[in-house]
Structures are given as C-alpha cells and as structure tokens.
Amino acid sequence: MPAKAKYLSSGWTRFSKVMAAIFGAYFATILAHLAIASKVPNDTPVLLTSTYSAFLVWCGLMVMIYMIEKAWISWAILLTVILLSLVLIFI
C-alpha cells in the first residue's frame, strides 16, 4: 500500500537533508572537536580520541537531522554549531 502524499517530502527537501546529514554534520563534528582541542592546554588526547568520538557524534547528528521535519531547521542547527565552533577556534 503506497504512502499518503501528504507524508512524502519533495525531492529538494530530501536532497537538502542528505547533504546536511553527510556534509553539514561532518563539518559541524570536525569543527566542534577542533574548537575543544584549541581550548585545552594539552590537545593531543583530544585529537587522538576524536578519531572515535567524531564518528559517534557524526552519526548522532545524522539521526537528529532525519528526526527534524523541516530541512531548514536542520541546516540552522548545523550552521549554528559550525559558527560557534569557528568563533571558539579563532578567539
């Protein structure tokens, strides 16, 4: 039985969510880890553990993106995390 049309998203919404899940979540994850590493006096442990924790955070952000109904809200959250991380890196 096919799904009701009102529950299906458009092609652009799906494309935007896929791009947000893959690229936006990746950049947000990496920049958040770099922001943490830039504020810790000994950044070597942070960078070593980011190998494992970055994958978990990236997967968590991807799940979060698909739980949010609208793609623009997902992008707004990701861009907020990215901008805050950039501010923390360069301060």
PDB file of N, CA and C in Angstrom:
ATOM      1  N   MET A   1       0.841  -1.159   0.000  1.00  0.00           N
ATOM      2  CA  MET A   1       0.000   0.000   0.000  1.00  0.00           C
ATOM      3  C   MET A   1       0.903   1.244   0.000  1.00  0.00           C
ATOM      4  N   PRO A   2       0.726   2.143  -0.957  1.00  0.00           N
ATOM      5  CA  PRO A   2       1.581   3.334  -1.029  1.00  0.00           C
ATOM      6  C   PRO A   2       1.286   4.311   0.114  1.00  0.00           C
ATOM      7  N   ALA A   3       2.279   5.133   0.411  1.00  0.00           N
ATOM      8  CA  ALA A   3       2.128   6.129   1.466  1.00  0.00           C
ATOM      9  C   ALA A   3       1.258   7.272   0.975  1.00  0.00           C
ATOM     10  N   LYS A   4       0.647   7.965   1.916  1.00  0.00           N
ATOM     11  CA  LYS A   4      -0.149   9.140   1.562  1.00  0.00           C
ATOM     12  C   LYS A   4       0.782  10.248   1.094  1.00  0.00           C
ATOM     13  N   ALA A   5       0.330  10.987   0.117  1.00  0.00           N
ATOM     14  CA  ALA A   5       1.167  12.029  -0.492  1.00  0.00           C
ATOM     15  C   ALA A   5       1.518  13.133   0.501  1.00  0.00           C
ATOM     16  N   LYS A   6       0.673  13.379   1.491  1.00  0.00           N
ATOM     17  CA  LYS A   6       0.953  14.463   2.429  1.00  0.00           C
ATOM     18  C   LYS A   6       2.119  14.130   3.361  1.00  0.00           C
ATOM     19  N   TYR A   7       2.483  12.869   3.473  1.00  0.00           N
ATOM     20  CA  TYR A   7       3.603  12.474   4.322  1.00  0.00           C
ATOM     21  C   TYR A   7       4.927  12.380   3.560  1.00  0.00           C
ATOM     22  N   LEU A   8       4.897  12.524   2.268  1.00  0.00           N
ATOM     23  CA  LEU A   8       6.112  12.433   1.458  1.00  0.00           C
ATOM     24  C   LEU A   8       6.737  13.815   1.294  1.00  0.00           C
ATOM     25  N   SER A   9       8.046  13.879   1.291  1.00  0.00           N
ATOM     26  CA  SER A   9       8.732  15.148   1.099  1.00  0.00           C
ATOM     27  C   SER A   9       9.102  15.309  -0.377  1.00  0.00           C
ATOM     28  N   SER A  10       9.374  16.549  -0.743  1.00  0.00           N
ATOM     29  CA  SER A  10       9.737  16.812  -2.130  1.00  0.00           C
ATOM     30  C   SER A  10      11.178  16.368  -2.382  1.00  0.00           C
ATOM     31  N   GLY A  11      11.559  16.370  -3.632  1.00  0.00           N
ATOM     32  CA  GLY A  11      12.901  15.960  -3.994  1.00  0.00           C
ATOM     33  C   GLY A  11      13.969  16.885  -3.437  1.00  0.00           C
ATOM     34  N   TRP A  12      13.687  18.202  -3.429  1.00  0.00           N
ATOM     35  CA  TRP A  12      14.661  19.163  -2.927  1.00  0.00           C
ATOM     36  C   TRP A  12      14.834  19.030  -1.418  1.00  0.00           C
ATOM     37  N   THR A  13      13.764  18.728  -0.719  1.00  0.00           N
ATOM     38  CA  THR A  13      13.867  18.546   0.728  1.00  0.00           C
ATOM     39  C   THR A  13      14.709  17.322   1.052  1.00  0.00           C
ATOM     40  N   ARG A  14      14.496  16.251   0.334  1.00  0.00           N
ATOM     41  CA  ARG A  14      15.299  15.044   0.551  1.00  0.00           C
ATOM     42  C   ARG A  14      16.762  15.296   0.228  1.00  0.00           C
ATOM     43  N   PHE A  15      17.010  15.966  -0.889  1.00  0.00           N
ATOM     44  CA  PHE A  15      18.383  16.289  -1.281  1.00  0.00           C
ATOM     45  C   PHE A  15      19.056  17.169  -0.227  1.00  0.00           C
ATOM     46  N   SER A  16      18.338  18.164   0.282  1.00  0.00           N
ATOM     47  CA  SER A  16      18.885  19.055   1.292  1.00  0.00           C
ATOM     48  C   SER A  16      19.194  18.305   2.581  1.00  0.00           C
ATOM     49  N   LYS A  17      18.323  17.400   2.981  1.00  0.00           N
ATOM     50  CA  LYS A  17      18.564  16.622   4.194  1.00  0.00           C
ATOM     51  C   LYS A  17      19.746  15.672   4.034  1.00  0.00           C
ATOM     52  N   VAL A  18      19.892  15.080   2.864  1.00  0.00           N
ATOM     53  CA  VAL A  18      21.033  14.193   2.626  1.00  0.00           C
ATOM     54  C   VAL A  18      22.330  14.987   2.667  1.00  0.00           C
ATOM     55  N   MET A  19      22.356  16.164   2.055  1.00  0.00           N
ATOM     56  CA  MET A  19      23.553  16.997   2.073  1.00  0.00           C
ATOM     57  C   MET A  19      23.849  17.495   3.489  1.00  0.00           C
ATOM     58  N   ALA A  20      22.805  17.833   4.228  1.00  0.00           N
ATOM     59  CA  ALA A  20      23.004  18.260   5.615  1.00  0.00           C
ATOM     60  C   ALA A  20      23.530  17.111   6.458  1.00  0.00           C
ATOM     61  N   ALA A  21      23.000  15.917   6.229  1.00  0.00           N
ATOM     62  CA  ALA A  21      23.421  14.764   7.020  1.00  0.00           C
ATOM     63  C   ALA A  21      24.863  14.387   6.719  1.00  0.00           C
ATOM     64  N   ILE A  22      25.251  14.427   5.467  1.00  0.00           N
ATOM     65  CA  ILE A  22      26.599  13.986   5.120  1.00  0.00           C
ATOM     66  C   ILE A  22      27.618  15.099   5.368  1.00  0.00           C
ATOM     67  N   PHE A  23      27.450  16.223   4.716  1.00  0.00           N
ATOM     68  CA  PHE A  23      28.472  17.265   4.756  1.00  0.00           C
ATOM     69  C   PHE A  23      28.323  18.210   5.948  1.00  0.00           C
ATOM     70  N   GLY A  24      27.114  18.669   6.204  1.00  0.00           N
ATOM     71  CA  GLY A  24      26.907  19.602   7.319  1.00  0.00           C
ATOM     72  C   GLY A  24      27.248  18.982   8.656  1.00  0.00           C
ATOM     73  N   ALA A  25      26.804  17.756   8.880  1.00  0.00           N
ATOM     74  CA  ALA A  25      27.094  17.079  10.142  1.00  0.00           C
ATOM     75  C   ALA A  25      28.581  16.786  10.264  1.00  0.00           C
ATOM     76  N   TYR A  26      29.236  16.453   9.168  1.00  0.00           N
ATOM     77  CA  TYR A  26      30.678  16.184   9.206  1.00  0.00           C
ATOM     78  C   TYR A  26      31.451  17.440   9.585  1.00  0.00           C
ATOM     79  N   PHE A  27      31.158  18.562   8.930  1.00  0.00           N
ATOM     80  CA  PHE A  27      31.864  19.799   9.234  1.00  0.00           C
ATOM     81  C   PHE A  27      31.575  20.268  10.658  1.00  0.00           C
ATOM     82  N   ALA A  28      30.329  20.133  11.106  1.00  0.00           N
ATOM     83  CA  ALA A  28      29.988  20.518  12.477  1.00  0.00           C
ATOM     84  C   ALA A  28      30.749  19.659  13.480  1.00  0.00           C
ATOM     85  N   THR A  29      30.862  18.371  13.216  1.00  0.00           N
ATOM     86  CA  THR A  29      31.571  17.468  14.116  1.00  0.00           C
ATOM     87  C   THR A  29      33.054  17.800  14.182  1.00  0.00           C
ATOM     88  N   ILE A  30      33.677  17.947  13.032  1.00  0.00           N
ATOM     89  CA  ILE A  30      35.118  18.205  12.999  1.00  0.00           C
ATOM     90  C   ILE A  30      35.445  19.565  13.620  1.00  0.00           C
ATOM     91  N   LEU A  31      34.665  20.580  13.302  1.00  0.00           N
ATOM     92  CA  LEU A  31      34.939  21.896  13.872  1.00  0.00           C
ATOM     93  C   LEU A  31      34.685  21.936  15.367  1.00  0.00           C
ATOM     94  N   ALA A  32      33.696  21.203  15.853  1.00  0.00           N
ATOM     95  CA  ALA A  32      33.461  21.146  17.301  1.00  0.00           C
ATOM     96  C   ALA A  32      34.645  20.485  18.007  1.00  0.00           C
ATOM     97  N   HIS A  33      35.183  19.426  17.427  1.00  0.00           N
ATOM     98  CA  HIS A  33      36.341  18.780  18.030  1.00  0.00           C
ATOM     99  C   HIS A  33      37.575  19.688  17.974  1.00  0.00           C
ATOM    100  N   LEU A  34      37.751  20.412  16.899  1.00  0.00           N
ATOM    101  CA  LEU A  34      38.871  21.345  16.813  1.00  0.00           C
ATOM    102  C   LEU A  34      38.718  22.501  17.797  1.00  0.00           C
ATOM    103  N   ALA A  35      37.491  22.944  18.021  1.00  0.00           N
ATOM    104  CA  ALA A  35      37.255  24.012  18.997  1.00  0.00           C
ATOM    105  C   ALA A  35      37.601  23.540  20.401  1.00  0.00           C
ATOM    106  N   ILE A  36      37.232  22.315  20.722  1.00  0.00           N
ATOM    107  CA  ILE A  36      37.582  21.768  22.037  1.00  0.00           C
ATOM    108  C   ILE A  36      39.095  21.631  22.153  1.00  0.00           C
ATOM    109  N   ALA A  37      39.728  21.137  21.106  1.00  0.00           N
ATOM    110  CA  ALA A  37      41.187  20.947  21.142  1.00  0.00           C
ATOM    111  C   ALA A  37      41.927  22.271  21.236  1.00  0.00           C
ATOM    112  N   SER A  38      41.360  23.327  20.675  1.00  0.00           N
ATOM    113  CA  SER A  38      42.051  24.616  20.721  1.00  0.00           C
ATOM    114  C   SER A  38      41.990  25.259  22.103  1.00  0.00           C
ATOM    115  N   LYS A  39      41.048  24.861  22.937  1.00  0.00           N
ATOM    116  CA  LYS A  39      40.897  25.451  24.266  1.00  0.00           C
ATOM    117  C   LYS A  39      41.527  24.614  25.372  1.00  0.00           C
ATOM    118  N   VAL A  40      41.932  23.395  25.086  1.00  0.00           N
ATOM    119  CA  VAL A  40      42.548  22.524  26.079  1.00  0.00           C
ATOM    120  C   VAL A  40      44.062  22.706  26.003  1.00  0.00           C
ATOM    121  N   PRO A  41      44.744  22.819  27.158  1.00  0.00           N
ATOM    122  CA  PRO A  41      46.201  23.035  27.113  1.00  0.00           C
ATOM    123  C   PRO A  41      46.963  21.909  26.406  1.00  0.00           C
ATOM    124  N   ASN A  42      46.606  20.679  26.681  1.00  0.00           N
ATOM    125  CA  ASN A  42      47.265  19.542  26.035  1.00  0.00           C
ATOM    126  C   ASN A  42      46.272  18.950  25.041  1.00  0.00           C
ATOM    127  N   ASP A  43      46.388  19.317  23.774  1.00  0.00           N
ATOM    128  CA  ASP A  43      45.384  18.935  22.793  1.00  0.00           C
ATOM    129  C   ASP A  43      45.600  17.557  22.186  1.00  0.00           C
ATOM    130  N   THR A  44      46.699  16.900  22.478  1.00  0.00           N
ATOM    131  CA  THR A  44      46.972  15.587  21.880  1.00  0.00           C
ATOM    132  C   THR A  44      45.917  14.537  22.247  1.00  0.00           C
ATOM    133  N   PRO A  45      45.514  14.393  23.517  1.00  0.00           N
ATOM    134  CA  PRO A  45      44.473  13.400  23.826  1.00  0.00           C
ATOM    135  C   PRO A  45      43.136  13.697  23.139  1.00  0.00           C
ATOM    136  N   VAL A  46      42.807  14.968  23.015  1.00  0.00           N
ATOM    137  CA  VAL A  46      41.550  15.321  22.355  1.00  0.00           C
ATOM    138  C   VAL A  46      41.588  14.916  20.891  1.00  0.00           C
ATOM    139  N   LEU A  47      42.686  15.183  20.235  1.00  0.00           N
ATOM    140  CA  LEU A  47      42.797  14.845  18.822  1.00  0.00           C
ATOM    141  C   LEU A  47      42.856  13.331  18.610  1.00  0.00           C
ATOM    142  N   LEU A  48      43.472  12.604  19.549  1.00  0.00           N
ATOM    143  CA  LEU A  48      43.520  11.146  19.419  1.00  0.00           C
ATOM    144  C   LEU A  48      42.155  10.511  19.653  1.00  0.00           C
ATOM    145  N   THR A  49      41.425  10.982  20.657  1.00  0.00           N
ATOM    146  CA  THR A  49      40.106  10.402  20.916  1.00  0.00           C
ATOM    147  C   THR A  49      39.054  10.899  19.933  1.00  0.00           C
ATOM    148  N   SER A  50      39.341  11.994  19.240  1.00  0.00           N
ATOM    149  CA  SER A  50      38.372  12.474  18.256  1.00  0.00           C
ATOM    150  C   SER A  50      38.229  11.506  17.086  1.00  0.00           C
ATOM    151  N   THR A  51      39.207  10.653  16.907  1.00  0.00           N
ATOM    152  CA  THR A  51      39.105   9.644  15.855  1.00  0.00           C
ATOM    153  C   THR A  51      37.873   8.772  16.073  1.00  0.00           C
ATOM    154  N   TYR A  52      37.632   8.427  17.326  1.00  0.00           N
ATOM    155  CA  TYR A  52      36.493   7.559  17.651  1.00  0.00           C
ATOM    156  C   TYR A  52      35.232   8.352  17.959  1.00  0.00           C
ATOM    157  N   SER A  53      35.394   9.414  18.741  1.00  0.00           N
ATOM    158  CA  SER A  53      34.209  10.158  19.142  1.00  0.00           C
ATOM    159  C   SER A  53      33.593  10.947  17.984  1.00  0.00           C
ATOM    160  N   ALA A  54      34.400  11.345  17.009  1.00  0.00           N
ATOM    161  CA  ALA A  54      33.856  12.091  15.872  1.00  0.00           C
ATOM    162  C   ALA A  54      32.880  11.237  15.082  1.00  0.00           C
ATOM    163  N   PHE A  55      33.170   9.961  14.949  1.00  0.00           N
ATOM    164  CA  PHE A  55      32.252   9.084  14.232  1.00  0.00           C
ATOM    165  C   PHE A  55      30.923   8.975  14.966  1.00  0.00           C
ATOM    166  N   LEU A  56      30.968   8.859  16.281  1.00  0.00           N
ATOM    167  CA  LEU A  56      29.733   8.758  17.066  1.00  0.00           C
ATOM    168  C   LEU A  56      28.922  10.052  17.014  1.00  0.00           C
ATOM    169  N   VAL A  57      29.609  11.190  17.121  1.00  0.00           N
ATOM    170  CA  VAL A  57      28.908  12.475  17.056  1.00  0.00           C
ATOM    171  C   VAL A  57      28.318  12.692  15.671  1.00  0.00           C
ATOM    172  N   TRP A  58      29.063  12.321  14.640  1.00  0.00           N
ATOM    173  CA  TRP A  58      28.579  12.472  13.267  1.00  0.00           C
ATOM    174  C   TRP A  58      27.325  11.628  13.050  1.00  0.00           C
ATOM    175  N   CYS A  59      27.338  10.397  13.508  1.00  0.00           N
ATOM    176  CA  CYS A  59      26.149   9.537  13.376  1.00  0.00           C
ATOM    177  C   CYS A  59      24.973  10.100  14.166  1.00  0.00           C
ATOM    178  N   GLY A  60      25.246  10.619  15.358  1.00  0.00           N
ATOM    179  CA  GLY A  60      24.181  11.227  16.155  1.00  0.00           C
ATOM    180  C   GLY A  60      23.561  12.439  15.475  1.00  0.00           C
ATOM    181  N   LEU A  61      24.400  13.271  14.864  1.00  0.00           N
ATOM    182  CA  LEU A  61      23.874  14.436  14.140  1.00  0.00           C
ATOM    183  C   LEU A  61      23.075  14.011  12.911  1.00  0.00           C
ATOM    184  N   MET A  62      23.507  12.945  12.256  1.00  0.00           N
ATOM    185  CA  MET A  62      22.755  12.468  11.093  1.00  0.00           C
ATOM    186  C   MET A  62      21.374  11.968  11.508  1.00  0.00           C
ATOM    187  N   VAL A  63      21.298  11.277  12.615  1.00  0.00           N
ATOM    188  CA  VAL A  63      19.996  10.811  13.116  1.00  0.00           C
ATOM    189  C   VAL A  63      19.128  12.006  13.491  1.00  0.00           C
ATOM    190  N   MET A  64      19.737  13.014  14.144  1.00  0.00           N
ATOM    191  CA  MET A  64      18.990  14.200  14.536  1.00  0.00           C
ATOM    192  C   MET A  64      18.407  14.924  13.324  1.00  0.00           C
ATOM    193  N   ILE A  65      19.184  14.985  12.249  1.00  0.00           N
ATOM    194  CA  ILE A  65      18.718  15.680  11.048  1.00  0.00           C
ATOM    195  C   ILE A  65      17.481  15.006  10.482  1.00  0.00           C
ATOM    196  N   TYR A  66      17.464  13.689  10.473  1.00  0.00           N
ATOM    197  CA  TYR A  66      16.309  12.997   9.917  1.00  0.00           C
ATOM    198  C   TYR A  66      15.121  12.965  10.867  1.00  0.00           C
ATOM    199  N   MET A  67      15.347  13.249  12.139  1.00  0.00           N
ATOM    200  CA  MET A  67      14.226  13.333  13.075  1.00  0.00           C
ATOM    201  C   MET A  67      13.506  14.676  12.968  1.00  0.00           C
ATOM    202  N   ILE A  68      14.216  15.695  12.498  1.00  0.00           N
ATOM    203  CA  ILE A  68      13.620  17.021  12.342  1.00  0.00           C
ATOM    204  C   ILE A  68      12.824  17.039  11.035  1.00  0.00           C
ATOM    205  N   GLU A  69      11.641  17.606  11.103  1.00  0.00           N
ATOM    206  CA  GLU A  69      10.733  17.545   9.962  1.00  0.00           C
ATOM    207  C   GLU A  69      11.152  18.455   8.808  1.00  0.00           C
ATOM    208  N   LYS A  70      11.626  19.646   9.111  1.00  0.00           N
ATOM    209  CA  LYS A  70      11.959  20.611   8.066  1.00  0.00           C
ATOM    210  C   LYS A  70      13.471  20.688   7.879  1.00  0.00           C
ATOM    211  N   ALA A  71      13.877  20.752   6.622  1.00  0.00           N
ATOM    212  CA  ALA A  71      15.306  20.752   6.301  1.00  0.00           C
ATOM    213  C   ALA A  71      15.979  22.054   6.734  1.00  0.00           C
ATOM    214  N   TRP A  72      15.278  23.164   6.669  1.00  0.00           N
ATOM    215  CA  TRP A  72      15.911  24.437   7.006  1.00  0.00           C
ATOM    216  C   TRP A  72      16.228  24.521   8.487  1.00  0.00           C
ATOM    217  N   ILE A  73      15.452  23.860   9.328  1.00  0.00           N
ATOM    218  CA  ILE A  73      15.755  23.841  10.761  1.00  0.00           C
ATOM    219  C   ILE A  73      17.029  23.029  11.004  1.00  0.00           C
ATOM    220  N   SER A  74      17.176  21.936  10.273  1.00  0.00           N
ATOM    221  CA  SER A  74      18.394  21.132  10.385  1.00  0.00           C
ATOM    222  C   SER A  74      19.619  21.950   9.992  1.00  0.00           C
ATOM    223  N   TRP A  75      19.500  22.660   8.879  1.00  0.00           N
ATOM    224  CA  TRP A  75      20.616  23.495   8.437  1.00  0.00           C
ATOM    225  C   TRP A  75      20.894  24.612   9.439  1.00  0.00           C
ATOM    226  N   ALA A  76      19.858  25.185  10.032  1.00  0.00           N
ATOM    227  CA  ALA A  76      20.059  26.262  11.012  1.00  0.00           C
ATOM    228  C   ALA A  76      20.819  25.746  12.233  1.00  0.00           C
ATOM    229  N   ILE A  77      20.481  24.566  12.701  1.00  0.00           N
ATOM    230  CA  ILE A  77      21.190  23.986  13.852  1.00  0.00           C
ATOM    231  C   ILE A  77      22.643  23.704  13.497  1.00  0.00           C
ATOM    232  N   LEU A  78      22.857  23.102  12.339  1.00  0.00           N
ATOM    233  CA  LEU A  78      24.231  22.777  11.934  1.00  0.00           C
ATOM    234  C   LEU A  78      25.073  24.027  11.733  1.00  0.00           C
ATOM    235  N   LEU A  79      24.517  25.039  11.085  1.00  0.00           N
ATOM    236  CA  LEU A  79      25.271  26.274  10.863  1.00  0.00           C
ATOM    237  C   LEU A  79      25.549  27.007  12.166  1.00  0.00           C
ATOM    238  N   THR A  80      24.645  26.907  13.141  1.00  0.00           N
ATOM    239  CA  THR A  80      24.889  27.496  14.450  1.00  0.00           C
ATOM    240  C   THR A  80      26.064  26.805  15.138  1.00  0.00           C
ATOM    241  N   VAL A  81      26.087  25.481  15.082  1.00  0.00           N
ATOM    242  CA  VAL A  81      27.201  24.736  15.676  1.00  0.00           C
ATOM    243  C   VAL A  81      28.506  25.078  14.961  1.00  0.00           C
ATOM    244  N   ILE A  82      28.465  25.163  13.648  1.00  0.00           N
ATOM    245  CA  ILE A  82      29.668  25.491  12.879  1.00  0.00           C
ATOM    246  C   ILE A  82      30.169  26.894  13.219  1.00  0.00           C
ATOM    247  N   LEU A  83      29.278  27.867  13.260  1.00  0.00           N
ATOM    248  CA  LEU A  83      29.698  29.249  13.561  1.00  0.00           C
ATOM    249  C   LEU A  83      30.218  29.387  14.985  1.00  0.00           C
ATOM    250  N   LEU A  84      29.564  28.743  15.949  1.00  0.00           N
ATOM    251  CA  LEU A  84      30.056  28.797  17.330  1.00  0.00           C
ATOM    252  C   LEU A  84      31.424  28.123  17.450  1.00  0.00           C
ATOM    253  N   SER A  85      31.618  27.046  16.732  1.00  0.00           N
ATOM    254  CA  SER A  85      32.923  26.386  16.765  1.00  0.00           C
ATOM    255  C   SER A  85      33.999  27.267  16.144  1.00  0.00           C
ATOM    256  N   LEU A  86      33.675  27.926  15.051  1.00  0.00           N
ATOM    257  CA  LEU A  86      34.648  28.824  14.422  1.00  0.00           C
ATOM    258  C   LEU A  86      34.997  29.998  15.337  1.00  0.00           C
ATOM    259  N   VAL A  87      34.003  30.520  16.031  1.00  0.00           N
ATOM    260  CA  VAL A  87      34.263  31.603  16.965  1.00  0.00           C
ATOM    261  C   VAL A  87      35.186  31.142  18.083  1.00  0.00           C
ATOM    262  N   LEU A  88      34.937  29.937  18.616  1.00  0.00           N
ATOM    263  CA  LEU A  88      35.787  29.410  19.682  1.00  0.00           C
ATOM    264  C   LEU A  88      37.203  29.115  19.189  1.00  0.00           C
ATOM    265  N   ILE A  89      37.339  28.697  17.968  1.00  0.00           N
ATOM    266  CA  ILE A  89      38.677  28.399  17.428  1.00  0.00           C
ATOM    267  C   ILE A  89      39.495  29.675  17.288  1.00  0.00           C
ATOM    268  N   PHE A  90      38.883  30.738  16.788  1.00  0.00           N
ATOM    269  CA  PHE A  90      39.639  31.944  16.467  1.00  0.00           C
ATOM    270  C   PHE A  90      39.687  32.977  17.586  1.00  0.00           C
ATOM    271  N   ILE A  91      39.077  32.676  18.732  1.00  0.00           N
ATOM    272  CA  ILE A  91      39.181  33.616  19.880  1.00  0.00           C
ATOM    273  C   ILE A  91      40.395  33.249  20.688  1.00  0.00           C
TER     274      ILE A  91
END
